[in-house]
Amino acid sequence: MAESGLTVENLRGRVRGFFHEAQSMAAKAIVALIVAACVPAHAQSAPDFTWTQHPTVTWADFKDQPPKSVAYPSAVSDTGFKYQLVCRNGMLDIHAAAFFSPSGSWAKPDERTAELLKHEQGHFDMAESYALRLRKAALDAKVRCDDRAKANVAGQRMVAEFQQR
């Protein structure tokens, strides 16, 4: 169940122990940087859902089949976050949401344990944590929509942090 008043602090406990459009030119540059770093490209058949829509994954959410030649890992969760940069009152703002892609997620049938599902849930929780952090970073940066250089620096910093995790 989704927690009310969701914050990064609320999610920290859940993710501990787990691994991992726009109106101005500045906003478009940030979108290009972050999309390239965060959203995998693949054909989709099952619709993605957001953390807010469906915060807890189950094995039934893993719709793809594992590759036959893969010995490791036991499961793959296709998670990340989607966002849209907007100009609000002359300042850069962002709408961000974590997603889970069932058609890109799989698990070996004989290795679907509660412990492994908890681990895969951690990936989804971390994506939500990053979506919240991205929103906070955009607001804290106080970037005017017409300040391209500052927006680029803020965007690069956000992408670098995501890639280090």
C-alpha atoms as a PDB file:
ATOM      1  CA  MET A   1       0.000   0.000   0.000  1.00  0.00           C
ATOM      2  CA  ALA A   2       1.187   3.541  -0.732  1.00  0.00           C
ATOM      3  CA  GLU A   3       2.203   5.571   2.275  1.00  0.00           C
ATOM      4  CA  SER A   4       0.552   8.944   2.681  1.00  0.00           C
ATOM      5  CA  GLY A   5       2.924  11.913   2.860  1.00  0.00           C
ATOM      6  CA  LEU A   6       5.561  10.046   0.850  1.00  0.00           C
ATOM      7  CA  THR A   7       9.012  11.564   1.203  1.00  0.00           C
ATOM      8  CA  VAL A   8      12.555  10.466   0.518  1.00  0.00           C
ATOM      9  CA  GLU A   9      12.905   9.832   4.247  1.00  0.00           C
ATOM     10  CA  ASN A  10       9.887   7.462   4.214  1.00  0.00           C
ATOM     11  CA  LEU A  11      11.474   5.462   1.406  1.00  0.00           C
ATOM     12  CA  ARG A  12      14.942   5.206   2.938  1.00  0.00           C
ATOM     13  CA  GLY A  13      13.899   2.383   5.221  1.00  0.00           C
ATOM     14  CA  ARG A  14      12.407   0.462   2.303  1.00  0.00           C
ATOM     15  CA  VAL A  15      15.437   0.820   0.038  1.00  0.00           C
ATOM     16  CA  ARG A  16      18.200   0.176   2.593  1.00  0.00           C
ATOM     17  CA  GLY A  17      20.108  -2.932   1.652  1.00  0.00           C
ATOM     18  CA  PHE A  18      19.131  -2.838  -2.032  1.00  0.00           C
ATOM     19  CA  PHE A  19      21.445  -2.105  -4.984  1.00  0.00           C
ATOM     20  CA  HIS A  20      20.190   0.363  -7.299  1.00  0.00           C
ATOM     21  CA  GLU A  21       8.827  18.078 -22.513  1.00  0.00           C
ATOM     22  CA  ALA A  22       9.687  21.223 -21.807  1.00  0.00           C
ATOM     23  CA  GLN A  23       9.170  24.933 -22.694  1.00  0.00           C
ATOM     24  CA  SER A  24      12.710  26.323 -22.909  1.00  0.00           C
ATOM     25  CA  MET A  25      15.961  25.232 -24.559  1.00  0.00           C
ATOM     26  CA  ALA A  26      17.490  24.700 -21.128  1.00  0.00           C
ATOM     27  CA  ALA A  27      14.748  22.314 -20.110  1.00  0.00           C
ATOM     28  CA  LYS A  28      15.081  20.370 -23.387  1.00  0.00           C
ATOM     29  CA  ALA A  29      18.807  19.921 -22.738  1.00  0.00           C
ATOM     30  CA  ILE A  30      18.142  18.464 -19.284  1.00  0.00           C
ATOM     31  CA  VAL A  31      15.453  16.165 -20.675  1.00  0.00           C
ATOM     32  CA  ALA A  32      17.841  14.800 -23.304  1.00  0.00           C
ATOM     33  CA  LEU A  33      20.557  14.152 -20.721  1.00  0.00           C
ATOM     34  CA  ILE A  34      18.355  12.413 -18.209  1.00  0.00           C
ATOM     35  CA  VAL A  35      16.327  10.373 -20.703  1.00  0.00           C
ATOM     36  CA  ALA A  36      19.473   9.021 -22.292  1.00  0.00           C
ATOM     37  CA  ALA A  37      20.774   7.965 -18.902  1.00  0.00           C
ATOM     38  CA  CYS A  38      17.623   6.616 -17.280  1.00  0.00           C
ATOM     39  CA  VAL A  39      15.090   5.141 -19.678  1.00  0.00           C
ATOM     40  CA  PRO A  40      15.934   1.875 -21.467  1.00  0.00           C
ATOM     41  CA  ALA A  41      14.709   1.494 -25.039  1.00  0.00           C
ATOM     42  CA  HIS A  42      12.753  -1.669 -25.793  1.00  0.00           C
ATOM     43  CA  ALA A  43       9.463  -2.713 -27.306  1.00  0.00           C
ATOM     44  CA  GLN A  44       6.657  -2.741 -24.783  1.00  0.00           C
ATOM     45  CA  SER A  45       3.514  -4.845 -24.762  1.00  0.00           C
ATOM     46  CA  ALA A  46       2.312  -4.664 -21.139  1.00  0.00           C
ATOM     47  CA  PRO A  47       1.687  -1.095 -19.985  1.00  0.00           C
ATOM     48  CA  ASP A  48       4.049   0.450 -17.489  1.00  0.00           C
ATOM     49  CA  PHE A  49       2.698   1.517 -14.131  1.00  0.00           C
ATOM     50  CA  THR A  50       3.927   4.123 -11.690  1.00  0.00           C
ATOM     51  CA  TRP A  51       4.904   3.649  -8.084  1.00  0.00           C
ATOM     52  CA  THR A  52       1.923   5.802  -7.046  1.00  0.00           C
ATOM     53  CA  GLN A  53      -0.478   3.613  -9.054  1.00  0.00           C
ATOM     54  CA  HIS A  54       0.920   0.289  -7.854  1.00  0.00           C
ATOM     55  CA  PRO A  55       3.686   0.629  -5.232  1.00  0.00           C
ATOM     56  CA  THR A  56       4.153  -3.059  -4.486  1.00  0.00           C
ATOM     57  CA  VAL A  57       5.254  -5.481  -7.195  1.00  0.00           C
ATOM     58  CA  THR A  58       4.291  -9.141  -7.269  1.00  0.00           C
ATOM     59  CA  TRP A  59       5.663 -11.980  -9.346  1.00  0.00           C
ATOM     60  CA  ALA A  60       2.567 -11.592 -11.599  1.00  0.00           C
ATOM     61  CA  ASP A  61       3.979  -8.183 -12.655  1.00  0.00           C
ATOM     62  CA  PHE A  62       7.030  -9.830 -14.252  1.00  0.00           C
ATOM     63  CA  LYS A  63       5.633 -10.532 -17.766  1.00  0.00           C
ATOM     64  CA  ASP A  64       8.777 -11.139 -19.844  1.00  0.00           C
ATOM     65  CA  GLN A  65      10.474 -14.516 -20.160  1.00  0.00           C
ATOM     66  CA  PRO A  66      14.031 -14.991 -18.910  1.00  0.00           C
ATOM     67  CA  PRO A  67      16.655 -15.552 -21.607  1.00  0.00           C
ATOM     68  CA  LYS A  68      17.442 -19.254 -21.932  1.00  0.00           C
ATOM     69  CA  SER A  69      21.198 -18.749 -21.876  1.00  0.00           C
ATOM     70  CA  VAL A  70      21.373 -16.619 -18.716  1.00  0.00           C
ATOM     71  CA  ALA A  71      22.734 -18.230 -15.588  1.00  0.00           C
ATOM     72  CA  TYR A  72      22.718 -14.983 -13.576  1.00  0.00           C
ATOM     73  CA  PRO A  73      20.771 -12.954 -12.545  1.00  0.00           C
ATOM     74  CA  SER A  74      17.701 -14.728 -11.254  1.00  0.00           C
ATOM     75  CA  ALA A  75      15.437 -11.763 -12.093  1.00  0.00           C
ATOM     76  CA  VAL A  76      15.448  -8.382 -13.845  1.00  0.00           C
ATOM     77  CA  SER A  77      13.191  -5.456 -12.914  1.00  0.00           C
ATOM     78  CA  ASP A  78      12.807  -2.847 -15.653  1.00  0.00           C
ATOM     79  CA  THR A  79      12.393   0.241 -13.497  1.00  0.00           C
ATOM     80  CA  GLY A  80      13.317   3.891 -13.751  1.00  0.00           C
ATOM     81  CA  PHE A  81      11.646   7.231 -13.622  1.00  0.00           C
ATOM     82  CA  LYS A  82       9.868   9.365 -16.177  1.00  0.00           C
ATOM     83  CA  TYR A  83       9.619  13.101 -15.905  1.00  0.00           C
ATOM     84  CA  GLN A  84       8.470  16.225 -17.637  1.00  0.00           C
ATOM     85  CA  LEU A  85      10.193  19.553 -17.153  1.00  0.00           C
ATOM     86  CA  VAL A  86       7.914  22.579 -17.093  1.00  0.00           C
ATOM     87  CA  CYS A  87       8.228  26.318 -16.667  1.00  0.00           C
ATOM     88  CA  ARG A  88       6.097  27.577 -13.802  1.00  0.00           C
ATOM     89  CA  ASN A  89       6.176  31.308 -13.024  1.00  0.00           C
ATOM     90  CA  GLY A  90       9.474  31.604 -14.911  1.00  0.00           C
ATOM     91  CA  MET A  91      11.161  28.868 -12.861  1.00  0.00           C
ATOM     92  CA  LEU A  92      12.077  25.334 -13.868  1.00  0.00           C
ATOM     93  CA  ASP A  93       9.896  22.690 -12.250  1.00  0.00           C
ATOM     94  CA  ILE A  94       9.500  18.992 -12.853  1.00  0.00           C
ATOM     95  CA  HIS A  95       6.883  16.272 -12.654  1.00  0.00           C
ATOM     96  CA  ALA A  96       8.636  12.973 -11.937  1.00  0.00           C
ATOM     97  CA  ALA A  97       7.333   9.462 -11.337  1.00  0.00           C
ATOM     98  CA  ALA A  98       8.938   6.065 -10.925  1.00  0.00           C
ATOM     99  CA  PHE A  99       7.758   3.371 -13.324  1.00  0.00           C
ATOM    100  CA  PHE A 100       7.868  -0.393 -13.541  1.00  0.00           C
ATOM    101  CA  SER A 101       7.717  -2.032 -16.964  1.00  0.00           C
ATOM    102  CA  PRO A 102       6.205  -5.523 -16.765  1.00  0.00           C
ATOM    103  CA  SER A 103       7.131  -6.343 -20.377  1.00  0.00           C
ATOM    104  CA  GLY A 104      10.800  -5.698 -19.610  1.00  0.00           C
ATOM    105  CA  SER A 105      10.846  -7.530 -16.285  1.00  0.00           C
ATOM    106  CA  TRP A 106      11.371 -11.246 -15.796  1.00  0.00           C
ATOM    107  CA  ALA A 107      12.257 -13.837 -13.206  1.00  0.00           C
ATOM    108  CA  LYS A 108      13.281 -17.448 -13.465  1.00  0.00           C
ATOM    109  CA  PRO A 109      10.249 -19.501 -12.380  1.00  0.00           C
ATOM    110  CA  ASP A 110      12.178 -21.814 -10.066  1.00  0.00           C
ATOM    111  CA  GLU A 111      13.916 -18.896  -8.284  1.00  0.00           C
ATOM    112  CA  ARG A 112      10.870 -16.739  -7.389  1.00  0.00           C
ATOM    113  CA  THR A 113      11.357 -16.468  -3.651  1.00  0.00           C
ATOM    114  CA  ALA A 114      10.004 -13.911  -1.189  1.00  0.00           C
ATOM    115  CA  GLU A 115      13.570 -12.705  -0.573  1.00  0.00           C
ATOM    116  CA  LEU A 116      14.223 -12.154  -4.301  1.00  0.00           C
ATOM    117  CA  LEU A 117      10.888 -10.336  -4.721  1.00  0.00           C
ATOM    118  CA  LYS A 118      11.836  -8.060  -1.818  1.00  0.00           C
ATOM    119  CA  HIS A 119      15.126  -7.321  -3.577  1.00  0.00           C
ATOM    120  CA  GLU A 120      13.324  -6.520  -6.865  1.00  0.00           C
ATOM    121  CA  GLN A 121      10.868  -4.297  -4.928  1.00  0.00           C
ATOM    122  CA  GLY A 122      13.926  -2.395  -3.743  1.00  0.00           C
ATOM    123  CA  HIS A 123      14.788  -1.447  -7.326  1.00  0.00           C
ATOM    124  CA  PHE A 124      11.294   0.018  -7.788  1.00  0.00           C
ATOM    125  CA  ASP A 125      11.494   1.820  -4.437  1.00  0.00           C
ATOM    126  CA  MET A 126      14.858   3.300  -5.375  1.00  0.00           C
ATOM    127  CA  ALA A 127      13.390   4.598  -8.656  1.00  0.00           C
ATOM    128  CA  GLU A 128      10.676   6.363  -6.631  1.00  0.00           C
ATOM    129  CA  SER A 129      13.299   7.747  -4.293  1.00  0.00           C
ATOM    130  CA  TYR A 130      15.233   9.164  -7.264  1.00  0.00           C
ATOM    131  CA  ALA A 131      12.045  10.652  -8.757  1.00  0.00           C
ATOM    132  CA  LEU A 132      11.432  12.468  -5.459  1.00  0.00           C
ATOM    133  CA  ARG A 133      15.059  13.567  -5.235  1.00  0.00           C
ATOM    134  CA  LEU A 134      14.962  14.821  -8.839  1.00  0.00           C
ATOM    135  CA  ARG A 135      11.903  16.921  -8.040  1.00  0.00           C
ATOM    136  CA  LYS A 136      13.564  18.333  -4.926  1.00  0.00           C
ATOM    137  CA  ALA A 137      16.807  19.053  -6.809  1.00  0.00           C
ATOM    138  CA  ALA A 138      14.944  20.932  -9.547  1.00  0.00           C
ATOM    139  CA  LEU A 139      13.102  23.033  -6.963  1.00  0.00           C
ATOM    140  CA  ASP A 140      16.203  23.636  -4.822  1.00  0.00           C
ATOM    141  CA  ALA A 141      18.274  24.678  -7.865  1.00  0.00           C
ATOM    142  CA  LYS A 142      15.953  27.680  -8.361  1.00  0.00           C
ATOM    143  CA  VAL A 143      16.771  27.771 -12.071  1.00  0.00           C
ATOM    144  CA  ARG A 144      15.065  30.379 -14.234  1.00  0.00           C
ATOM    145  CA  CYS A 145      13.743  28.867 -17.435  1.00  0.00           C
ATOM    146  CA  ASP A 146      15.830  31.298 -19.504  1.00  0.00           C
ATOM    147  CA  ASP A 147      19.137  30.474 -17.712  1.00  0.00           C
ATOM    148  CA  ARG A 148      20.415  27.736 -20.017  1.00  0.00           C
ATOM    149  CA  ALA A 149      23.903  27.400 -18.516  1.00  0.00           C
ATOM    150  CA  LYS A 150      22.653  26.977 -14.949  1.00  0.00           C
ATOM    151  CA  ALA A 151      19.972  24.530 -16.072  1.00  0.00           C
ATOM    152  CA  ASN A 152      22.573  22.426 -17.910  1.00  0.00           C
ATOM    153  CA  VAL A 153      24.841  22.307 -14.863  1.00  0.00           C
ATOM    154  CA  ALA A 154      21.945  21.291 -12.619  1.00  0.00           C
ATOM    155  CA  GLY A 155      20.869  18.602 -15.102  1.00  0.00           C
ATOM    156  CA  GLN A 156      24.371  17.186 -15.447  1.00  0.00           C
ATOM    157  CA  ARG A 157      24.745  17.030 -11.674  1.00  0.00           C
ATOM    158  CA  MET A 158      21.460  15.108 -11.353  1.00  0.00           C
ATOM    159  CA  VAL A 159      22.434  12.623 -14.080  1.00  0.00           C
ATOM    160  CA  ALA A 160      25.888  12.095 -12.567  1.00  0.00           C
ATOM    161  CA  GLU A 161      24.377  11.293  -9.176  1.00  0.00           C
ATOM    162  CA  PHE A 162      21.954   8.802 -10.696  1.00  0.00           C
ATOM    163  CA  GLN A 163      24.704   7.058 -12.674  1.00  0.00           C
ATOM    164  CA  GLN A 164      26.904   6.641  -9.591  1.00  0.00           C
ATOM    165  CA  ARG A 165      24.272   4.597  -7.738  1.00  0.00           C
END
